[in-house]
Amino acid sequence: MGADPAVVGSKDEWDALCAAFGTAVRARREQLEISQEELGHRADLDRTYVSGIERGVRNPTLKIIARMSKALKTRPSKLLAATEL
């Protein structure tokens, strides 16, 4: 039985997933023309944490993803769709 391509296992796969999510967050934030600081304020997160997510060095929880999605006025599924490897 072959490996399921939807399952993320290696560090490189996790890093790519986090980077893709961060890119989606940044694109939506820029579309709304708000700063990282403003996004952090709206999502009750520190600006440096938002920066880490956008750079792909943070691995946000579902709770954080939901808060960011609300702050970005979009569905979590829309942000996560950009992460499909």
C-alpha atoms as a PDB file:
ATOM      1  CA  MET A   1       0.000   0.000   0.000  1.00  0.00           C
ATOM      2  CA  GLY A   2       1.476   3.398  -1.013  1.00  0.00           C
ATOM      3  CA  ALA A   3       1.873   6.475   1.122  1.00  0.00           C
ATOM      4  CA  ASP A   4      -1.047   8.871   1.225  1.00  0.00           C
ATOM      5  CA  PRO A   5       0.050  12.121  -0.460  1.00  0.00           C
ATOM      6  CA  ALA A   6      -2.355  14.079   1.770  1.00  0.00           C
ATOM      7  CA  VAL A   7      -0.448  13.052   4.897  1.00  0.00           C
ATOM      8  CA  VAL A   8       2.340  15.395   5.927  1.00  0.00           C
ATOM      9  CA  GLY A   9       5.182  13.609   7.635  1.00  0.00           C
ATOM     10  CA  SER A  10       8.648  14.944   6.997  1.00  0.00           C
ATOM     11  CA  LYS A  11      10.065  18.189   8.373  1.00  0.00           C
ATOM     12  CA  ASP A  12      10.381  19.506   4.821  1.00  0.00           C
ATOM     13  CA  GLU A  13       6.685  18.819   4.217  1.00  0.00           C
ATOM     14  CA  TRP A  14       5.713  20.603   7.450  1.00  0.00           C
ATOM     15  CA  ASP A  15       7.938  23.551   6.555  1.00  0.00           C
ATOM     16  CA  ALA A  16       6.345  23.769   3.092  1.00  0.00           C
ATOM     17  CA  LEU A  17       2.873  23.620   4.619  1.00  0.00           C
ATOM     18  CA  CYS A  18       3.635  26.431   7.083  1.00  0.00           C
ATOM     19  CA  ALA A  19       5.228  28.532   4.340  1.00  0.00           C
ATOM     20  CA  ALA A  20       2.206  28.090   2.043  1.00  0.00           C
ATOM     21  CA  PHE A  21      -0.180  29.055   4.846  1.00  0.00           C
ATOM     22  CA  GLY A  22       1.929  32.111   5.639  1.00  0.00           C
ATOM     23  CA  THR A  23       1.893  33.163   2.007  1.00  0.00           C
ATOM     24  CA  ALA A  24      -1.908  32.889   1.964  1.00  0.00           C
ATOM     25  CA  VAL A  25      -2.204  34.977   5.136  1.00  0.00           C
ATOM     26  CA  ARG A  26       0.131  37.650   3.765  1.00  0.00           C
ATOM     27  CA  ALA A  27      -1.714  37.802   0.432  1.00  0.00           C
ATOM     28  CA  ARG A  28      -5.084  38.247   2.143  1.00  0.00           C
ATOM     29  CA  ARG A  29      -3.685  40.833   4.586  1.00  0.00           C
ATOM     30  CA  GLU A  30      -2.213  42.824   1.722  1.00  0.00           C
ATOM     31  CA  GLN A  31      -5.483  42.529  -0.192  1.00  0.00           C
ATOM     32  CA  LEU A  32      -7.209  44.159   2.790  1.00  0.00           C
ATOM     33  CA  GLU A  33      -4.409  46.751   2.933  1.00  0.00           C
ATOM     34  CA  ILE A  34      -3.757  46.249   6.640  1.00  0.00           C
ATOM     35  CA  SER A  35      -0.450  46.001   8.472  1.00  0.00           C
ATOM     36  CA  GLN A  36       0.825  43.032  10.434  1.00  0.00           C
ATOM     37  CA  GLU A  37       0.243  45.120  13.527  1.00  0.00           C
ATOM     38  CA  GLU A  38      -3.402  45.712  12.583  1.00  0.00           C
ATOM     39  CA  LEU A  39      -3.922  42.024  11.835  1.00  0.00           C
ATOM     40  CA  GLY A  40      -2.382  41.176  15.179  1.00  0.00           C
ATOM     41  CA  HIS A  41      -4.694  43.632  16.898  1.00  0.00           C
ATOM     42  CA  ARG A  42      -7.778  42.216  15.150  1.00  0.00           C
ATOM     43  CA  ALA A  43      -6.781  38.617  15.960  1.00  0.00           C
ATOM     44  CA  ASP A  44      -5.471  39.420  19.464  1.00  0.00           C
ATOM     45  CA  LEU A  45      -1.960  38.298  18.509  1.00  0.00           C
ATOM     46  CA  ASP A  46       1.410  39.984  18.758  1.00  0.00           C
ATOM     47  CA  ARG A  47       2.729  41.484  15.520  1.00  0.00           C
ATOM     48  CA  THR A  48       5.858  39.349  15.800  1.00  0.00           C
ATOM     49  CA  TYR A  49       3.704  36.205  15.925  1.00  0.00           C
ATOM     50  CA  VAL A  50       1.866  37.331  12.783  1.00  0.00           C
ATOM     51  CA  SER A  51       5.242  37.932  11.141  1.00  0.00           C
ATOM     52  CA  GLY A  52       6.370  34.429  12.107  1.00  0.00           C
ATOM     53  CA  ILE A  53       3.258  32.909  10.570  1.00  0.00           C
ATOM     54  CA  GLU A  54       3.715  34.866   7.350  1.00  0.00           C
ATOM     55  CA  ARG A  55       7.367  33.781   7.144  1.00  0.00           C
ATOM     56  CA  GLY A  56       6.385  30.154   7.701  1.00  0.00           C
ATOM     57  CA  VAL A  57       8.394  29.759  10.909  1.00  0.00           C
ATOM     58  CA  ARG A  58       5.323  29.386  13.144  1.00  0.00           C
ATOM     59  CA  ASN A  59       2.933  26.445  13.137  1.00  0.00           C
ATOM     60  CA  PRO A  60      -0.387  27.991  14.248  1.00  0.00           C
ATOM     61  CA  THR A  61      -3.052  25.970  16.044  1.00  0.00           C
ATOM     62  CA  LEU A  62      -6.589  25.661  14.719  1.00  0.00           C
ATOM     63  CA  LYS A  63      -7.653  28.247  17.283  1.00  0.00           C
ATOM     64  CA  ILE A  64      -5.111  30.736  15.904  1.00  0.00           C
ATOM     65  CA  ILE A  65      -6.108  29.919  12.314  1.00  0.00           C
ATOM     66  CA  ALA A  66      -9.759  30.599  13.198  1.00  0.00           C
ATOM     67  CA  ARG A  67      -8.900  33.921  14.873  1.00  0.00           C
ATOM     68  CA  MET A  68      -6.756  35.007  11.935  1.00  0.00           C
ATOM     69  CA  SER A  69      -9.438  34.003   9.447  1.00  0.00           C
ATOM     70  CA  LYS A  70     -12.027  36.069  11.277  1.00  0.00           C
ATOM     71  CA  ALA A  71      -9.643  39.031  11.407  1.00  0.00           C
ATOM     72  CA  LEU A  72      -8.956  38.612   7.682  1.00  0.00           C
ATOM     73  CA  LYS A  73     -12.697  38.353   6.923  1.00  0.00           C
ATOM     74  CA  THR A  74     -12.361  35.000   5.204  1.00  0.00           C
ATOM     75  CA  ARG A  75     -13.035  31.350   5.922  1.00  0.00           C
ATOM     76  CA  PRO A  76     -10.300  29.167   7.402  1.00  0.00           C
ATOM     77  CA  SER A  77     -10.858  26.739   4.519  1.00  0.00           C
ATOM     78  CA  LYS A  78      -9.922  29.440   2.028  1.00  0.00           C
ATOM     79  CA  LEU A  79      -6.581  30.084   3.732  1.00  0.00           C
ATOM     80  CA  LEU A  80      -5.933  26.366   4.159  1.00  0.00           C
ATOM     81  CA  ALA A  81      -6.798  25.575   0.530  1.00  0.00           C
ATOM     82  CA  ALA A  82      -3.621  27.413  -0.465  1.00  0.00           C
ATOM     83  CA  THR A  83      -1.582  24.944   1.564  1.00  0.00           C
ATOM     84  CA  GLU A  84      -2.395  21.865  -0.486  1.00  0.00           C
ATOM     85  CA  LEU A  85       0.894  20.257  -1.425  1.00  0.00           C
END
